[in-house]
Amino acid sequence: MSTEPKFTVEEVANVTAPPRATVESTSEKLERKRDYLEGFLAANPEGVAPSEPGGDLYEAVIAALKDIFDPEIPVNIYDLGLIYGVEVDDNSGVVVTMTLTTPHCPVAESMPGEVELRVGSVPGVRDAEVLLVWDPPWDPAKMSDEARLELGML
């Protein structure tokens, strides 16, 4: 068997850094795309009452629901699929129909109260009521794609 090395080592004093990669593009193209998306996503249908889906009050209530997170799962209750319905009447009263992941959920007593407080604090809401239902039962199919992505289920 030979003890001769199979590779050689070369010592160097300096190594010139390779040139940095750059991407050439005009900011005009990027700016146009961003403006298009912002306008598209921010647009509300015309002639929609504030209490209807797409209306200001309805969307503010949905935004408030998206600020409430399940303490065991790092996803908001709206995207988790716990909100079955939001109804805003002509007098700005809001009724939220919701469920929980299980009747034995540790927040079964506190979550409906928190939802009622948060929705009731939305500017323009006269009063809020929460209806807790168990039928149909919650299942993971009710989650939004965002929630599935967050939980690694996509």
Protein backbone atom coordinates (compact mmCIF):
# COMPACT_ATOMS: atom_id res chain seq x y z
CA MET A 1 0.00 0.00 0.00
CA SER A 2 1.29 3.42 -0.95
CA THR A 3 1.45 6.27 1.61
CA GLU A 4 1.61 8.86 -1.09
CA PRO A 5 -1.07 11.66 -0.73
CA LYS A 6 -3.90 11.54 -3.22
CA PHE A 7 -4.36 15.29 -3.28
CA THR A 8 -2.15 18.33 -3.03
CA VAL A 9 -2.49 21.40 -0.86
CA GLU A 10 -1.59 24.80 -2.22
CA GLU A 11 -1.16 27.76 0.09
CA VAL A 12 -2.25 31.17 -1.17
CA ALA A 13 -1.85 34.62 0.36
CA ASN A 14 -4.86 36.33 -1.21
CA VAL A 15 -7.99 35.40 -3.08
CA THR A 16 -9.83 37.94 -5.17
CA ALA A 17 -13.52 37.96 -4.39
CA PRO A 18 -15.73 36.99 -7.32
CA PRO A 19 -17.87 39.75 -8.81
CA ARG A 20 -21.29 40.21 -7.19
CA ALA A 21 -24.29 39.06 -9.12
CA THR A 22 -26.67 41.83 -10.14
CA VAL A 23 -30.09 41.84 -11.66
CA GLU A 24 -30.83 44.62 -14.05
CA SER A 25 -34.40 45.79 -14.17
CA THR A 26 -36.22 49.03 -14.43
CA SER A 27 -38.04 50.20 -11.35
CA GLU A 28 -40.87 51.31 -13.63
CA LYS A 29 -41.96 47.70 -14.25
CA LEU A 30 -41.81 46.81 -10.53
CA GLU A 31 -43.66 49.96 -9.52
CA ARG A 32 -46.46 49.33 -12.01
CA LYS A 33 -47.02 45.79 -10.73
CA ARG A 34 -47.09 46.93 -7.11
CA ASP A 35 -49.59 49.72 -7.88
CA TYR A 36 -51.79 47.29 -9.77
CA LEU A 37 -51.90 44.81 -6.90
CA GLU A 38 -52.45 47.45 -4.23
CA GLY A 39 -55.33 48.96 -6.16
CA PHE A 40 -56.83 45.58 -6.96
CA LEU A 41 -56.69 44.32 -3.39
CA ALA A 42 -57.90 47.57 -1.84
CA ALA A 43 -60.86 48.05 -4.18
CA ASN A 44 -64.31 47.51 -2.72
CA PRO A 45 -67.35 46.91 -4.87
CA GLU A 46 -69.26 50.07 -5.68
CA GLY A 47 -72.71 50.60 -4.24
CA VAL A 48 -72.25 48.16 -1.35
CA ALA A 49 -73.90 49.03 1.94
CA PRO A 50 -71.47 49.26 4.90
CA SER A 51 -73.17 46.26 6.54
CA GLU A 52 -72.84 43.93 3.51
CA PRO A 53 -69.78 41.87 2.60
CA GLY A 54 -67.34 44.28 0.99
CA GLY A 55 -68.78 47.19 2.96
CA ASP A 56 -66.68 49.21 5.37
CA LEU A 57 -68.34 48.10 8.62
CA TYR A 58 -68.48 44.44 7.61
CA GLU A 59 -64.81 44.43 6.59
CA ALA A 60 -63.82 46.19 9.85
CA VAL A 61 -65.57 43.43 11.81
CA ILE A 62 -63.71 40.77 9.79
CA ALA A 63 -60.42 42.59 10.46
CA ALA A 64 -61.20 42.57 14.20
CA LEU A 65 -61.88 38.82 14.06
CA LYS A 66 -58.55 38.29 12.30
CA ASP A 67 -56.82 39.91 15.29
CA ILE A 68 -58.02 37.16 17.65
CA PHE A 69 -55.71 34.15 17.80
CA ASP A 70 -56.35 30.68 19.11
CA PRO A 71 -54.01 30.28 22.11
CA GLU A 72 -52.99 26.75 21.12
CA ILE A 73 -52.64 27.26 17.38
CA PRO A 74 -50.74 30.27 15.94
CA VAL A 75 -53.57 31.15 13.53
CA ASN A 76 -56.37 33.68 13.86
CA ILE A 77 -59.89 32.34 14.47
CA TYR A 78 -61.22 33.62 11.15
CA ASP A 79 -58.63 31.83 9.01
CA LEU A 80 -58.88 28.79 11.28
CA GLY A 81 -62.50 28.47 10.15
CA LEU A 82 -64.09 28.99 13.57
CA ILE A 83 -66.28 31.84 12.29
CA TYR A 84 -69.32 30.42 10.51
CA GLY A 85 -71.09 33.70 9.84
CA VAL A 86 -71.06 37.46 10.37
CA GLU A 87 -74.31 39.37 10.03
CA VAL A 88 -74.51 43.14 10.29
CA ASP A 89 -78.03 44.56 10.43
CA ASP A 90 -79.16 48.00 9.24
CA ASN A 91 -78.84 49.38 12.80
CA SER A 92 -75.16 48.31 13.00
CA GLY A 93 -75.84 45.37 15.29
CA VAL A 94 -73.50 42.46 14.65
CA VAL A 95 -74.20 38.76 15.19
CA VAL A 96 -71.22 36.42 14.91
CA THR A 97 -71.90 32.70 14.61
CA MET A 98 -68.87 30.68 15.63
CA THR A 99 -67.66 27.37 16.94
CA LEU A 100 -64.55 26.06 18.66
CA THR A 101 -62.25 23.25 17.62
CA THR A 102 -63.80 21.03 20.32
CA PRO A 103 -66.37 21.46 23.12
CA HIS A 104 -63.57 20.66 25.58
CA CYS A 105 -61.42 23.53 24.28
CA PRO A 106 -59.64 25.29 27.17
CA VAL A 107 -60.95 28.67 25.97
CA ALA A 108 -64.57 27.53 25.59
CA GLU A 109 -65.65 29.91 28.33
CA SER A 110 -63.49 32.91 27.44
CA MET A 111 -63.28 32.93 23.62
CA PRO A 112 -66.92 33.91 22.87
CA GLY A 113 -66.62 36.77 25.36
CA GLU A 114 -63.42 37.98 23.75
CA VAL A 115 -65.02 37.86 20.31
CA GLU A 116 -68.00 39.86 21.59
CA LEU A 117 -65.71 42.50 23.16
CA ARG A 118 -63.48 42.86 20.09
CA VAL A 119 -66.37 43.06 17.63
CA GLY A 120 -68.25 45.45 19.92
CA SER A 121 -65.23 47.76 20.01
CA VAL A 122 -65.17 48.21 16.22
CA PRO A 123 -66.07 51.84 15.44
CA GLY A 124 -69.61 51.97 14.10
CA VAL A 125 -70.84 48.75 15.74
CA ARG A 126 -73.86 49.40 17.97
CA ASP A 127 -73.76 46.05 19.77
CA ALA A 128 -72.35 42.59 19.25
CA GLU A 129 -73.73 39.15 19.95
CA VAL A 130 -71.93 35.81 19.66
CA LEU A 131 -73.78 32.58 18.92
CA LEU A 132 -71.68 29.54 19.83
CA VAL A 133 -72.74 26.50 17.83
CA TRP A 134 -71.48 22.91 17.66
CA ASP A 135 -73.29 21.81 14.53
CA PRO A 136 -71.71 21.45 12.05
CA PRO A 137 -68.63 20.48 14.01
CA TRP A 138 -65.35 22.15 13.14
CA ASP A 139 -62.86 20.19 11.06
CA PRO A 140 -59.55 21.13 9.42
CA ALA A 141 -61.22 21.43 6.01
CA LYS A 142 -62.75 24.73 7.19
CA MET A 143 -59.31 26.39 7.42
CA SER A 144 -58.23 28.96 4.85
CA ASP A 145 -55.23 28.32 2.62
CA GLU A 146 -53.29 30.91 4.67
CA ALA A 147 -53.93 28.91 7.86
CA ARG A 148 -52.91 25.66 6.18
CA LEU A 149 -49.72 27.27 4.93
CA GLU A 150 -48.95 28.64 8.40
CA LEU A 151 -49.43 25.20 9.95
CA GLY A 152 -47.44 23.41 7.24
CA MET A 153 -50.45 21.55 5.87
CA LEU A 154 -50.05 22.65 2.23
